[in-house]
PDB file of N, CA and C in Angstrom:
ATOM      1  N   MET A   1      16.298  12.473 -17.680  1.00  0.00           N
ATOM      2  CA  MET A   1      15.162  11.563 -17.671  1.00  0.00           C
ATOM      3  C   MET A   1      15.207  10.674 -16.437  1.00  0.00           C
ATOM      4  N   ALA A   2      14.107  10.633 -15.725  1.00  0.00           N
ATOM      5  CA  ALA A   2      14.002   9.749 -14.561  1.00  0.00           C
ATOM      6  C   ALA A   2      13.737   8.332 -15.055  1.00  0.00           C
ATOM      7  N   ARG A   3      14.298   7.366 -14.350  1.00  0.00           N
ATOM      8  CA  ARG A   3      14.100   5.964 -14.725  1.00  0.00           C
ATOM      9  C   ARG A   3      13.356   5.258 -13.598  1.00  0.00           C
ATOM     10  N   ILE A   4      12.126   4.852 -13.900  1.00  0.00           N
ATOM     11  CA  ILE A   4      11.289   4.180 -12.908  1.00  0.00           C
ATOM     12  C   ILE A   4      10.811   2.866 -13.509  1.00  0.00           C
ATOM     13  N   ALA A   5      10.974   1.785 -12.768  1.00  0.00           N
ATOM     14  CA  ALA A   5      10.544   0.435 -13.188  1.00  0.00           C
ATOM     15  C   ALA A   5      11.141   0.039 -14.533  1.00  0.00           C
ATOM     16  N   GLY A   6      12.390   0.474 -14.781  1.00  0.00           N
ATOM     17  CA  GLY A   6      13.071   0.103 -16.012  1.00  0.00           C
ATOM     18  C   GLY A   6      12.619   0.871 -17.236  1.00  0.00           C
ATOM     19  N   VAL A   7      11.875   1.980 -17.042  1.00  0.00           N
ATOM     20  CA  VAL A   7      11.368   2.770 -18.161  1.00  0.00           C
ATOM     21  C   VAL A   7      11.856   4.204 -17.997  1.00  0.00           C
ATOM     22  N   ASN A   8      12.362   4.789 -19.077  1.00  0.00           N
ATOM     23  CA  ASN A   8      12.736   6.201 -19.039  1.00  0.00           C
ATOM     24  C   ASN A   8      11.469   7.039 -19.111  1.00  0.00           C
ATOM     25  N   ILE A   9      11.236   7.843 -18.074  1.00  0.00           N
ATOM     26  CA  ILE A   9      10.046   8.678 -17.989  1.00  0.00           C
ATOM     27  C   ILE A   9      10.363  10.035 -18.625  1.00  0.00           C
ATOM     28  N   PRO A  10       9.510  10.549 -19.531  1.00  0.00           N
ATOM     29  CA  PRO A  10       9.776  11.861 -20.135  1.00  0.00           C
ATOM     30  C   PRO A  10       9.746  12.966 -19.079  1.00  0.00           C
ATOM     31  N   THR A  11      10.721  13.869 -19.140  1.00  0.00           N
ATOM     32  CA  THR A  11      10.860  14.890 -18.099  1.00  0.00           C
ATOM     33  C   THR A  11       9.957  16.095 -18.308  1.00  0.00           C
ATOM     34  N   ASN A  12       9.533  16.348 -19.538  1.00  0.00           N
ATOM     35  CA  ASN A  12       8.764  17.568 -19.808  1.00  0.00           C
ATOM     36  C   ASN A  12       7.271  17.411 -19.527  1.00  0.00           C
ATOM     37  N   LYS A  13       6.804  16.227 -19.175  1.00  0.00           N
ATOM     38  CA  LYS A  13       5.372  15.987 -18.955  1.00  0.00           C
ATOM     39  C   LYS A  13       5.036  16.019 -17.474  1.00  0.00           C
ATOM     40  N   ARG A  14       3.733  16.170 -17.179  1.00  0.00           N
ATOM     41  CA  ARG A  14       3.281  16.115 -15.791  1.00  0.00           C
ATOM     42  C   ARG A  14       3.466  14.690 -15.264  1.00  0.00           C
ATOM     43  N   VAL A  15       3.608  14.575 -13.960  1.00  0.00           N
ATOM     44  CA  VAL A  15       3.945  13.287 -13.340  1.00  0.00           C
ATOM     45  C   VAL A  15       2.886  12.241 -13.648  1.00  0.00           C
ATOM     46  N   ILE A  16       1.611  12.619 -13.554  1.00  0.00           N
ATOM     47  CA  ILE A  16       0.524  11.648 -13.790  1.00  0.00           C
ATOM     48  C   ILE A  16       0.579  11.101 -15.211  1.00  0.00           C
ATOM     49  N   ILE A  17       0.862  11.970 -16.174  1.00  0.00           N
ATOM     50  CA  ILE A  17       0.941  11.535 -17.578  1.00  0.00           C
ATOM     51  C   ILE A  17       2.199  10.688 -17.794  1.00  0.00           C
ATOM     52  N   ALA A  18       3.314  11.114 -17.215  1.00  0.00           N
ATOM     53  CA  ALA A  18       4.586  10.413 -17.419  1.00  0.00           C
ATOM     54  C   ALA A  18       4.568   9.008 -16.834  1.00  0.00           C
ATOM     55  N   LEU A  19       3.891   8.819 -15.702  1.00  0.00           N
ATOM     56  CA  LEU A  19       3.837   7.489 -15.080  1.00  0.00           C
ATOM     57  C   LEU A  19       3.093   6.491 -15.966  1.00  0.00           C
ATOM     58  N   GLN A  20       2.225   6.984 -16.832  1.00  0.00           N
ATOM     59  CA  GLN A  20       1.450   6.095 -17.697  1.00  0.00           C
ATOM     60  C   GLN A  20       2.296   5.487 -18.814  1.00  0.00           C
ATOM     61  N   TYR A  21       3.547   5.927 -18.950  1.00  0.00           N
ATOM     62  CA  TYR A  21       4.454   5.316 -19.916  1.00  0.00           C
ATOM     63  C   TYR A  21       4.912   3.940 -19.436  1.00  0.00           C
ATOM     64  N   ILE A  22       4.665   3.641 -18.166  1.00  0.00           N
ATOM     65  CA  ILE A  22       5.027   2.340 -17.603  1.00  0.00           C
ATOM     66  C   ILE A  22       3.890   1.363 -17.886  1.00  0.00           C
ATOM     67  N   HIS A  23       4.213   0.204 -18.447  1.00  0.00           N
ATOM     68  CA  HIS A  23       3.199  -0.816 -18.755  1.00  0.00           C
ATOM     69  C   HIS A  23       2.579  -1.303 -17.447  1.00  0.00           C
ATOM     70  N   GLY A  24       1.265  -1.177 -17.338  1.00  0.00           N
ATOM     71  CA  GLY A  24       0.565  -1.621 -16.139  1.00  0.00           C
ATOM     72  C   GLY A  24       0.095  -0.469 -15.267  1.00  0.00           C
ATOM     73  N   ILE A  25       0.465   0.763 -15.616  1.00  0.00           N
ATOM     74  CA  ILE A  25      -0.004   1.932 -14.875  1.00  0.00           C
ATOM     75  C   ILE A  25      -0.788   2.812 -15.822  1.00  0.00           C
ATOM     76  N   GLY A  26      -2.080   2.960 -15.518  1.00  0.00           N
ATOM     77  CA  GLY A  26      -2.951   3.817 -16.295  1.00  0.00           C
ATOM     78  C   GLY A  26      -3.285   5.073 -15.505  1.00  0.00           C
ATOM     79  N   PRO A  27      -4.291   5.818 -15.941  1.00  0.00           N
ATOM     80  CA  PRO A  27      -4.646   7.066 -15.257  1.00  0.00           C
ATOM     81  C   PRO A  27      -5.024   6.868 -13.791  1.00  0.00           C
ATOM     82  N   LYS A  28      -5.765   5.813 -13.505  1.00  0.00           N
ATOM     83  CA  LYS A  28      -6.228   5.576 -12.132  1.00  0.00           C
ATOM     84  C   LYS A  28      -5.057   5.298 -11.193  1.00  0.00           C
ATOM     85  N   PHE A  29      -4.180   4.365 -11.587  1.00  0.00           N
ATOM     86  CA  PHE A  29      -3.056   4.015 -10.732  1.00  0.00           C
ATOM     87  C   PHE A  29      -2.049   5.162 -10.637  1.00  0.00           C
ATOM     88  N   ALA A  30      -1.869   5.922 -11.718  1.00  0.00           N
ATOM     89  CA  ALA A  30      -0.946   7.058 -11.688  1.00  0.00           C
ATOM     90  C   ALA A  30      -1.407   8.089 -10.665  1.00  0.00           C
ATOM     91  N   LYS A  31      -2.707   8.385 -10.665  1.00  0.00           N
ATOM     92  CA  LYS A  31      -3.247   9.343  -9.688  1.00  0.00           C
ATOM     93  C   LYS A  31      -3.125   8.785  -8.275  1.00  0.00           C
ATOM     94  N   GLU A  32      -3.379   7.504  -8.127  1.00  0.00           N
ATOM     95  CA  GLU A  32      -3.272   6.846  -6.817  1.00  0.00           C
ATOM     96  C   GLU A  32      -1.840   6.931  -6.274  1.00  0.00           C
ATOM     97  N   ILE A  33      -0.860   6.698  -7.117  1.00  0.00           N
ATOM     98  CA  ILE A  33       0.549   6.745  -6.709  1.00  0.00           C
ATOM     99  C   ILE A  33       0.939   8.160  -6.297  1.00  0.00           C
ATOM    100  N   VAL A  34       0.543   9.142  -7.111  1.00  0.00           N
ATOM    101  CA  VAL A  34       0.882  10.537  -6.818  1.00  0.00           C
ATOM    102  C   VAL A  34       0.241  10.981  -5.506  1.00  0.00           C
ATOM    103  N   ASP A  35      -1.010  10.574  -5.277  1.00  0.00           N
ATOM    104  CA  ASP A  35      -1.680  10.920  -4.017  1.00  0.00           C
ATOM    105  C   ASP A  35      -0.988  10.254  -2.827  1.00  0.00           C
ATOM    106  N   LYS A  36      -0.604   8.994  -3.005  1.00  0.00           N
ATOM    107  CA  LYS A  36       0.038   8.238  -1.922  1.00  0.00           C
ATOM    108  C   LYS A  36       1.377   8.865  -1.522  1.00  0.00           C
ATOM    109  N   VAL A  37       2.141   9.284  -2.531  1.00  0.00           N
ATOM    110  CA  VAL A  37       3.455   9.873  -2.279  1.00  0.00           C
ATOM    111  C   VAL A  37       3.321  11.325  -1.804  1.00  0.00           C
ATOM    112  N   GLY A  38       2.232  12.002  -2.172  1.00  0.00           N
ATOM    113  CA  GLY A  38       1.996  13.371  -1.725  1.00  0.00           C
ATOM    114  C   GLY A  38       2.602  14.420  -2.629  1.00  0.00           C
ATOM    115  N   ILE A  39       2.628  14.127  -3.940  1.00  0.00           N
ATOM    116  CA  ILE A  39       3.142  15.092  -4.916  1.00  0.00           C
ATOM    117  C   ILE A  39       1.955  15.768  -5.583  1.00  0.00           C
ATOM    118  N   PRO A  40       2.001  17.101  -5.787  1.00  0.00           N
ATOM    119  CA  PRO A  40       0.909  17.767  -6.500  1.00  0.00           C
ATOM    120  C   PRO A  40       0.760  17.199  -7.916  1.00  0.00           C
ATOM    121  N   ALA A  41      -0.480  17.047  -8.359  1.00  0.00           N
ATOM    122  CA  ALA A  41      -0.753  16.404  -9.650  1.00  0.00           C
ATOM    123  C   ALA A  41      -0.211  17.201 -10.830  1.00  0.00           C
ATOM    124  N   GLU A  42      -0.126  18.519 -10.704  1.00  0.00           N
ATOM    125  CA  GLU A  42       0.304  19.341 -11.844  1.00  0.00           C
ATOM    126  C   GLU A  42       1.819  19.524 -11.926  1.00  0.00           C
ATOM    127  N   ARG A  43       2.578  18.940 -11.014  1.00  0.00           N
ATOM    128  CA  ARG A  43       4.038  19.070 -11.042  1.00  0.00           C
ATOM    129  C   ARG A  43       4.601  18.257 -12.194  1.00  0.00           C
ATOM    130  N   ARG A  44       5.663  18.795 -12.801  1.00  0.00           N
ATOM    131  CA  ARG A  44       6.313  18.110 -13.916  1.00  0.00           C
ATOM    132  C   ARG A  44       7.451  17.229 -13.397  1.00  0.00           C
ATOM    133  N   VAL A  45       7.818  16.231 -14.185  1.00  0.00           N
ATOM    134  CA  VAL A  45       8.855  15.282 -13.775  1.00  0.00           C
ATOM    135  C   VAL A  45      10.182  15.996 -13.568  1.00  0.00           C
ATOM    136  N   SER A  46      10.473  17.003 -14.392  1.00  0.00           N
ATOM    137  CA  SER A  46      11.746  17.724 -14.270  1.00  0.00           C
ATOM    138  C   SER A  46      11.852  18.478 -12.950  1.00  0.00           C
ATOM    139  N   GLU A  47      10.719  18.791 -12.323  1.00  0.00           N
ATOM    140  CA  GLU A  47      10.704  19.529 -11.055  1.00  0.00           C
ATOM    141  C   GLU A  47      10.802  18.609  -9.836  1.00  0.00           C
ATOM    142  N   LEU A  48      10.780  17.294 -10.041  1.00  0.00           N
ATOM    143  CA  LEU A  48      10.834  16.350  -8.920  1.00  0.00           C
ATOM    144  C   LEU A  48      12.251  16.257  -8.354  1.00  0.00           C
ATOM    145  N   SER A  49      12.345  16.141  -7.047  1.00  0.00           N
ATOM    146  CA  SER A  49      13.650  15.912  -6.420  1.00  0.00           C
ATOM    147  C   SER A  49      13.980  14.426  -6.507  1.00  0.00           C
ATOM    148  N   ASP A  50      15.236  14.100  -6.232  1.00  0.00           N
ATOM    149  CA  ASP A  50      15.654  12.695  -6.251  1.00  0.00           C
ATOM    150  C   ASP A  50      14.902  11.879  -5.196  1.00  0.00           C
ATOM    151  N   ALA A  51      14.629  12.505  -4.055  1.00  0.00           N
ATOM    152  CA  ALA A  51      13.900  11.819  -2.982  1.00  0.00           C
ATOM    153  C   ALA A  51      12.478  11.482  -3.418  1.00  0.00           C
ATOM    154  N   GLU A  52      11.826  12.404  -4.144  1.00  0.00           N
ATOM    155  CA  GLU A  52      10.452  12.152  -4.614  1.00  0.00           C
ATOM    156  C   GLU A  52      10.433  11.046  -5.659  1.00  0.00           C
ATOM    157  N   VAL A  53      11.425  11.048  -6.558  1.00  0.00           N
ATOM    158  CA  VAL A  53      11.519   9.977  -7.560  1.00  0.00           C
ATOM    159  C   VAL A  53      11.721   8.630  -6.864  1.00  0.00           C
ATOM    160  N   LEU A  54      12.541   8.624  -5.826  1.00  0.00           N
ATOM    161  CA  LEU A  54      12.778   7.399  -5.056  1.00  0.00           C
ATOM    162  C   LEU A  54      11.499   6.922  -4.376  1.00  0.00           C
ATOM    163  N   GLN A  55      10.709   7.870  -3.831  1.00  0.00           N
ATOM    164  CA  GLN A  55       9.432   7.512  -3.196  1.00  0.00           C
ATOM    165  C   GLN A  55       8.483   6.887  -4.210  1.00  0.00           C
ATOM    166  N   ILE A  56       8.403   7.477  -5.406  1.00  0.00           N
ATOM    167  CA  ILE A  56       7.541   6.941  -6.461  1.00  0.00           C
ATOM    168  C   ILE A  56       8.002   5.540  -6.841  1.00  0.00           C
ATOM    169  N   ARG A  57       9.318   5.385  -7.006  1.00  0.00           N
ATOM    170  CA  ARG A  57       9.879   4.083  -7.381  1.00  0.00           C
ATOM    171  C   ARG A  57       9.547   3.022  -6.336  1.00  0.00           C
ATOM    172  N   GLU A  58       9.685   3.369  -5.069  1.00  0.00           N
ATOM    173  CA  GLU A  58       9.392   2.416  -3.991  1.00  0.00           C
ATOM    174  C   GLU A  58       7.904   2.082  -3.933  1.00  0.00           C
ATOM    175  N   ALA A  59       7.042   3.098  -4.143  1.00  0.00           N
ATOM    176  CA  ALA A  59       5.592   2.859  -4.132  1.00  0.00           C
ATOM    177  C   ALA A  59       5.197   1.893  -5.243  1.00  0.00           C
ATOM    178  N   ILE A  60       5.787   2.068  -6.421  1.00  0.00           N
ATOM    179  CA  ILE A  60       5.464   1.192  -7.555  1.00  0.00           C
ATOM    180  C   ILE A  60       5.997  -0.217  -7.300  1.00  0.00           C
ATOM    181  N   ASP A  61       7.229  -0.314  -6.829  1.00  0.00           N
ATOM    182  CA  ASP A  61       7.825  -1.634  -6.575  1.00  0.00           C
ATOM    183  C   ASP A  61       7.065  -2.398  -5.503  1.00  0.00           C
ATOM    184  N   HIS A  62       6.577  -1.681  -4.505  1.00  0.00           N
ATOM    185  CA  HIS A  62       5.935  -2.329  -3.356  1.00  0.00           C
ATOM    186  C   HIS A  62       4.491  -2.741  -3.646  1.00  0.00           C
ATOM    187  N   ASP A  63       3.730  -1.889  -4.358  1.00  0.00           N
ATOM    188  CA  ASP A  63       2.280  -2.078  -4.455  1.00  0.00           C
ATOM    189  C   ASP A  63       1.764  -2.541  -5.814  1.00  0.00           C
ATOM    190  N   TYR A  64       2.550  -2.423  -6.875  1.00  0.00           N
ATOM    191  CA  TYR A  64       2.016  -2.675  -8.215  1.00  0.00           C
ATOM    192  C   TYR A  64       2.880  -3.668  -8.967  1.00  0.00           C
ATOM    193  N   GLN A  65       2.232  -4.417  -9.838  1.00  0.00           N
ATOM    194  CA  GLN A  65       2.942  -5.338 -10.715  1.00  0.00           C
ATOM    195  C   GLN A  65       3.004  -4.675 -12.084  1.00  0.00           C
ATOM    196  N   VAL A  66       4.205  -4.370 -12.558  1.00  0.00           N
ATOM    197  CA  VAL A  66       4.359  -3.608 -13.794  1.00  0.00           C
ATOM    198  C   VAL A  66       5.390  -4.262 -14.704  1.00  0.00           C
ATOM    199  N   GLU A  67       5.418  -3.779 -15.939  1.00  0.00           N
ATOM    200  CA  GLU A  67       6.387  -4.160 -16.959  1.00  0.00           C
ATOM    201  C   GLU A  67       6.545  -5.668 -17.126  1.00  0.00           C
ATOM    202  N   GLY A  68       7.757  -6.191 -16.994  1.00  0.00           N
ATOM    203  CA  GLY A  68       8.039  -7.599 -17.297  1.00  0.00           C
ATOM    204  C   GLY A  68       7.255  -8.572 -16.440  1.00  0.00           C
ATOM    205  N   ASP A  69       7.116  -8.258 -15.146  1.00  0.00           N
ATOM    206  CA  ASP A  69       6.369  -9.158 -14.250  1.00  0.00           C
ATOM    207  C   ASP A  69       4.916  -9.268 -14.685  1.00  0.00           C
ATOM    208  N   LEU A  70       4.316  -8.131 -15.054  1.00  0.00           N
ATOM    209  CA  LEU A  70       2.917  -8.125 -15.481  1.00  0.00           C
ATOM    210  C   LEU A  70       2.753  -8.892 -16.791  1.00  0.00           C
ATOM    211  N   ARG A  71       3.639  -8.626 -17.741  1.00  0.00           N
ATOM    212  CA  ARG A  71       3.570  -9.336 -19.029  1.00  0.00           C
ATOM    213  C   ARG A  71       3.715 -10.844 -18.821  1.00  0.00           C
ATOM    214  N   ARG A  72       4.638 -11.222 -17.934  1.00  0.00           N
ATOM    215  CA  ARG A  72       4.867 -12.641 -17.652  1.00  0.00           C
ATOM    216  C   ARG A  72       3.629 -13.276 -17.032  1.00  0.00           C
ATOM    217  N   GLU A  73       3.000 -12.564 -16.088  1.00  0.00           N
ATOM    218  CA  GLU A  73       1.812 -13.118 -15.438  1.00  0.00           C
ATOM    219  C   GLU A  73       0.671 -13.306 -16.435  1.00  0.00           C
ATOM    220  N   VAL A  74       0.468 -12.313 -17.321  1.00  0.00           N
ATOM    221  CA  VAL A  74      -0.600 -12.415 -18.316  1.00  0.00           C
ATOM    222  C   VAL A  74      -0.348 -13.603 -19.241  1.00  0.00           C
ATOM    223  N   SER A  75       0.909 -13.748 -19.707  1.00  0.00           N
ATOM    224  CA  SER A  75       1.194 -14.870 -20.612  1.00  0.00           C
ATOM    225  C   SER A  75       1.061 -16.210 -19.889  1.00  0.00           C
ATOM    226  N   MET A  76       1.417 -16.247 -18.604  1.00  0.00           N
ATOM    227  CA  MET A  76       1.256 -17.488 -17.837  1.00  0.00           C
ATOM    228  C   MET A  76      -0.223 -17.819 -17.627  1.00  0.00           C
ATOM    229  N   ASN A  77      -1.051 -16.802 -17.420  1.00  0.00           N
ATOM    230  CA  ASN A  77      -2.487 -17.034 -17.280  1.00  0.00           C
ATOM    231  C   ASN A  77      -3.069 -17.620 -18.571  1.00  0.00           C
ATOM    232  N   ILE A  78      -2.646 -17.078 -19.715  1.00  0.00           N
ATOM    233  CA  ILE A  78      -3.124 -17.591 -21.002  1.00  0.00           C
ATOM    234  C   ILE A  78      -2.636 -19.027 -21.211  1.00  0.00           C
ATOM    235  N   LYS A  79      -1.375 -19.276 -20.874  1.00  0.00           N
ATOM    236  CA  LYS A  79      -0.818 -20.631 -21.010  1.00  0.00           C
ATOM    237  C   LYS A  79      -1.567 -21.615 -20.113  1.00  0.00           C
ATOM    238  N   ARG A  80      -1.915 -21.171 -18.903  1.00  0.00           N
ATOM    239  CA  ARG A  80      -2.660 -22.029 -17.968  1.00  0.00           C
ATOM    240  C   ARG A  80      -4.020 -22.388 -18.557  1.00  0.00           C
ATOM    241  N   LEU A  81      -4.705 -21.423 -19.151  1.00  0.00           N
ATOM    242  CA  LEU A  81      -6.007 -21.689 -19.776  1.00  0.00           C
ATOM    243  C   LEU A  81      -5.854 -22.708 -20.911  1.00  0.00           C
ATOM    244  N   MET A  82      -4.763 -22.561 -21.696  1.00  0.00           N
ATOM    245  CA  MET A  82      -4.554 -23.473 -22.813  1.00  0.00           C
ATOM    246  C   MET A  82      -4.258 -24.887 -22.308  1.00  0.00           C
ATOM    247  N   ASP A  83      -3.494 -25.000 -21.224  1.00  0.00           N
ATOM    248  CA  ASP A  83      -3.160 -26.313 -20.673  1.00  0.00           C
ATOM    249  C   ASP A  83      -4.378 -27.000 -20.058  1.00  0.00           C
ATOM    250  N   LEU A  84      -5.276 -26.203 -19.474  1.00  0.00           N
ATOM    251  CA  LEU A  84      -6.490 -26.764 -18.876  1.00  0.00           C
ATOM    252  C   LEU A  84      -7.410 -27.372 -19.932  1.00  0.00           C
ATOM    253  N   GLY A  85      -7.365 -26.786 -21.130  1.00  0.00           N
ATOM    254  CA  GLY A  85      -8.232 -27.287 -22.186  1.00  0.00           C
ATOM    255  C   GLY A  85      -9.651 -26.761 -22.071  1.00  0.00           C
ATOM    256  N   CYS A  86      -9.844 -25.678 -21.321  1.00  0.00           N
ATOM    257  CA  CYS A  86     -11.177 -25.087 -21.205  1.00  0.00           C
ATOM    258  C   CYS A  86     -11.507 -24.330 -22.499  1.00  0.00           C
ATOM    259  N   TYR A  87     -12.724 -23.849 -22.596  1.00  0.00           N
ATOM    260  CA  TYR A  87     -13.183 -23.196 -23.828  1.00  0.00           C
ATOM    261  C   TYR A  87     -12.308 -21.993 -24.175  1.00  0.00           C
ATOM    262  N   ARG A  88     -12.030 -21.153 -23.178  1.00  0.00           N
ATOM    263  CA  ARG A  88     -11.184 -19.978 -23.429  1.00  0.00           C
ATOM    264  C   ARG A  88      -9.797 -20.387 -23.885  1.00  0.00           C
ATOM    265  N   GLY A  89      -9.264 -21.454 -23.304  1.00  0.00           N
ATOM    266  CA  GLY A  89      -7.951 -21.942 -23.701  1.00  0.00           C
ATOM    267  C   GLY A  89      -7.936 -22.443 -25.129  1.00  0.00           C
ATOM    268  N   LEU A  90      -9.005 -23.138 -25.534  1.00  0.00           N
ATOM    269  CA  LEU A  90      -9.100 -23.617 -26.914  1.00  0.00           C
ATOM    270  C   LEU A  90      -9.164 -22.452 -27.894  1.00  0.00           C
ATOM    271  N   ARG A  91      -9.903 -21.404 -27.523  1.00  0.00           N
ATOM    272  CA  ARG A  91      -9.998 -20.229 -28.391  1.00  0.00           C
ATOM    273  C   ARG A  91      -8.635 -19.555 -28.542  1.00  0.00           C
ATOM    274  N   HIS A  92      -7.880 -19.474 -27.440  1.00  0.00           N
ATOM    275  CA  HIS A  92      -6.535 -18.908 -27.522  1.00  0.00           C
ATOM    276  C   HIS A  92      -5.655 -19.773 -28.412  1.00  0.00           C
ATOM    277  N   ARG A  93      -5.744 -21.080 -28.245  1.00  0.00           N
ATOM    278  CA  ARG A  93      -4.907 -22.010 -29.000  1.00  0.00           C
ATOM    279  C   ARG A  93      -5.177 -21.899 -30.501  1.00  0.00           C
ATOM    280  N   ARG A  94      -6.434 -21.683 -30.858  1.00  0.00           N
ATOM    281  CA  ARG A  94      -6.800 -21.603 -32.276  1.00  0.00           C
ATOM    282  C   ARG A  94      -6.738 -20.188 -32.827  1.00  0.00           C
ATOM    283  N   SER A  95      -6.279 -19.222 -32.025  1.00  0.00           N
ATOM    284  CA  SER A  95      -6.182 -17.807 -32.420  1.00  0.00           C
ATOM    285  C   SER A  95      -7.517 -17.264 -32.898  1.00  0.00           C
ATOM    286  N   LEU A  96      -8.551 -17.532 -32.111  1.00  0.00           N
ATOM    287  CA  LEU A  96      -9.890 -17.014 -32.391  1.00  0.00           C
ATOM    288  C   LEU A  96     -10.288 -16.067 -31.269  1.00  0.00           C
ATOM    289  N   PRO A  97     -11.310 -15.231 -31.498  1.00  0.00           N
ATOM    290  CA  PRO A  97     -11.758 -14.348 -30.414  1.00  0.00           C
ATOM    291  C   PRO A  97     -12.198 -15.153 -29.192  1.00  0.00           C
ATOM    292  N   VAL A  98     -11.854 -14.662 -28.005  1.00  0.00           N
ATOM    293  CA  VAL A  98     -12.053 -15.426 -26.782  1.00  0.00           C
ATOM    294  C   VAL A  98     -13.355 -15.054 -26.089  1.00  0.00           C
ATOM    295  N   ARG A  99     -13.801 -13.824 -26.260  1.00  0.00           N
ATOM    296  CA  ARG A  99     -14.894 -13.324 -25.433  1.00  0.00           C
ATOM    297  C   ARG A  99     -16.244 -13.274 -26.143  1.00  0.00           C
ATOM    298  N   GLY A 100     -16.493 -14.233 -26.993  1.00  0.00           N
ATOM    299  CA  GLY A 100     -17.834 -14.389 -27.540  1.00  0.00           C
ATOM    300  C   GLY A 100     -18.149 -13.576 -28.780  1.00  0.00           C
ATOM    301  N   GLN A 101     -17.146 -12.927 -29.386  1.00  0.00           N
ATOM    302  CA  GLN A 101     -17.421 -12.136 -30.576  1.00  0.00           C
ATOM    303  C   GLN A 101     -17.699 -13.055 -31.763  1.00  0.00           C
ATOM    304  N   ARG A 102     -18.391 -12.513 -32.757  1.00  0.00           N
ATOM    305  CA  ARG A 102     -18.716 -13.315 -33.930  1.00  0.00           C
ATOM    306  C   ARG A 102     -17.476 -13.512 -34.793  1.00  0.00           C
ATOM    307  N   THR A 103     -17.464 -14.631 -35.546  1.00  0.00           N
ATOM    308  CA  THR A 103     -16.315 -14.906 -36.405  1.00  0.00           C
ATOM    309  C   THR A 103     -16.710 -15.155 -37.856  1.00  0.00           C
ATOM    310  N   HIS A 104     -18.012 -15.213 -38.140  1.00  0.00           N
ATOM    311  CA  HIS A 104     -18.438 -15.452 -39.521  1.00  0.00           C
ATOM    312  C   HIS A 104     -17.915 -14.331 -40.409  1.00  0.00           C
ATOM    313  N   THR A 105     -18.163 -13.108 -39.988  1.00  0.00           N
ATOM    314  CA  THR A 105     -17.515 -11.956 -40.607  1.00  0.00           C
ATOM    315  C   THR A 105     -16.690 -11.304 -39.507  1.00  0.00           C
ATOM    316  N   ASN A 106     -15.819 -10.418 -39.882  1.00  0.00           N
ATOM    317  CA  ASN A 106     -14.966  -9.690 -38.928  1.00  0.00           C
ATOM    318  C   ASN A 106     -13.972 -10.627 -38.232  1.00  0.00           C
ATOM    319  N   ALA A 107     -13.454 -10.271 -37.118  1.00  0.00           N
ATOM    320  CA  ALA A 107     -12.445 -11.020 -36.362  1.00  0.00           C
ATOM    321  C   ALA A 107     -11.139 -11.173 -37.140  1.00  0.00           C
ATOM    322  N   ARG A 108     -10.900 -10.288 -38.114  1.00  0.00           N
ATOM    323  CA  ARG A 108      -9.687 -10.411 -38.922  1.00  0.00           C
ATOM    324  C   ARG A 108      -8.435 -10.105 -38.112  1.00  0.00           C
ATOM    325  N   THR A 109      -8.521  -9.227 -37.137  1.00  0.00           N
ATOM    326  CA  THR A 109      -7.345  -8.904 -36.326  1.00  0.00           C
ATOM    327  C   THR A 109      -6.870 -10.136 -35.591  1.00  0.00           C
ATOM    328  N   ARG A 110      -7.767 -10.859 -34.990  1.00  0.00           N
ATOM    329  CA  ARG A 110      -7.407 -12.033 -34.194  1.00  0.00           C
ATOM    330  C   ARG A 110      -7.007 -13.211 -35.084  1.00  0.00           C
ATOM    331  N   LYS A 111      -7.686 -13.376 -36.223  1.00  0.00           N
ATOM    332  CA  LYS A 111      -7.443 -14.530 -37.077  1.00  0.00           C
ATOM    333  C   LYS A 111      -6.280 -14.327 -38.043  1.00  0.00           C
ATOM    334  N   GLY A 112      -5.888 -13.086 -38.285  1.00  0.00           N
ATOM    335  CA  GLY A 112      -4.819 -12.800 -39.236  1.00  0.00           C
ATOM    336  C   GLY A 112      -5.392 -12.579 -40.625  1.00  0.00           C
ATOM    337  N   PRO A 113      -4.534 -12.323 -41.594  1.00  0.00           N
ATOM    338  CA  PRO A 113      -5.017 -12.058 -42.956  1.00  0.00           C
ATOM    339  C   PRO A 113      -5.736 -13.270 -43.551  1.00  0.00           C
ATOM    340  N   ALA A 114      -6.677 -12.988 -44.444  1.00  0.00           N
ATOM    341  CA  ALA A 114      -7.471 -14.057 -45.061  1.00  0.00           C
ATOM    342  C   ALA A 114      -6.562 -14.941 -45.911  1.00  0.00           C
ATOM    343  N   ARG A 115      -6.740 -16.249 -45.786  1.00  0.00           N
ATOM    344  CA  ARG A 115      -5.954 -17.208 -46.562  1.00  0.00           C
ATOM    345  C   ARG A 115      -6.820 -17.777 -47.686  1.00  0.00           C
ATOM    346  N   ALA A 116      -6.227 -17.944 -48.843  1.00  0.00           N
ATOM    347  CA  ALA A 116      -6.955 -18.504 -49.985  1.00  0.00           C
ATOM    348  C   ALA A 116      -7.176 -19.996 -49.758  1.00  0.00           C
ATOM    349  N   ILE A 117      -8.327 -20.472 -50.183  1.00  0.00           N
ATOM    350  CA  ILE A 117      -8.653 -21.888 -50.063  1.00  0.00           C
ATOM    351  C   ILE A 117      -8.380 -22.542 -51.411  1.00  0.00           C
ATOM    352  N   ALA A 118      -7.609 -23.621 -51.431  1.00  0.00           N
ATOM    353  CA  ALA A 118      -7.231 -24.287 -52.676  1.00  0.00           C
ATOM    354  C   ALA A 118      -8.457 -24.898 -53.338  1.00  0.00           C
ATOM    355  N   GLY A 119      -8.575 -24.696 -54.616  1.00  0.00           N
ATOM    356  CA  GLY A 119      -9.653 -25.305 -55.378  1.00  0.00           C
ATOM    357  C   GLY A 119     -10.947 -24.503 -55.356  1.00  0.00           C
ATOM    358  N   LYS A 120     -10.958 -23.353 -54.730  1.00  0.00           N
ATOM    359  CA  LYS A 120     -12.193 -22.566 -54.681  1.00  0.00           C
ATOM    360  C   LYS A 120     -12.030 -21.364 -55.595  1.00  0.00           C
ATOM    361  N   LYS A 121     -12.588 -21.469 -56.812  1.00  0.00           N
ATOM    362  CA  LYS A 121     -12.533 -20.374 -57.780  1.00  0.00           C
ATOM    363  C   LYS A 121     -13.934 -20.064 -58.246  1.00  0.00           C
ATOM    364  N   LYS A 122     -14.095 -18.881 -58.834  1.00  0.00           N
ATOM    365  CA  LYS A 122     -15.425 -18.475 -59.301  1.00  0.00           C
ATOM    366  C   LYS A 122     -15.867 -19.241 -60.495  1.00  0.00           C
TER     367      LYS A 122
END
């Protein structure tokens, strides 16, 4: 198994698919990386030489923010919104939908399981 950006990449899959196991790399960036390094898209990870794996690793380290750094940046952005006290920050703080979705019904994923209200019986 090749190890790129701290993630074990499956060896039996094509390179484009295997790169998507890294948090922050989707289909678009995977194809971009493979094109930049000059590896055929249909080649499998097990067929890559050590030099090609090193090229991929360097391309990702140099041009993309992945894994822990990306997660940290996203959480810092959310924390910044909450500290500013803007509308989006307040929605994050209250664990409500941030992007304008309705909350009268639905929004159970964001709000969590329904809680019983004391004193409200049929």
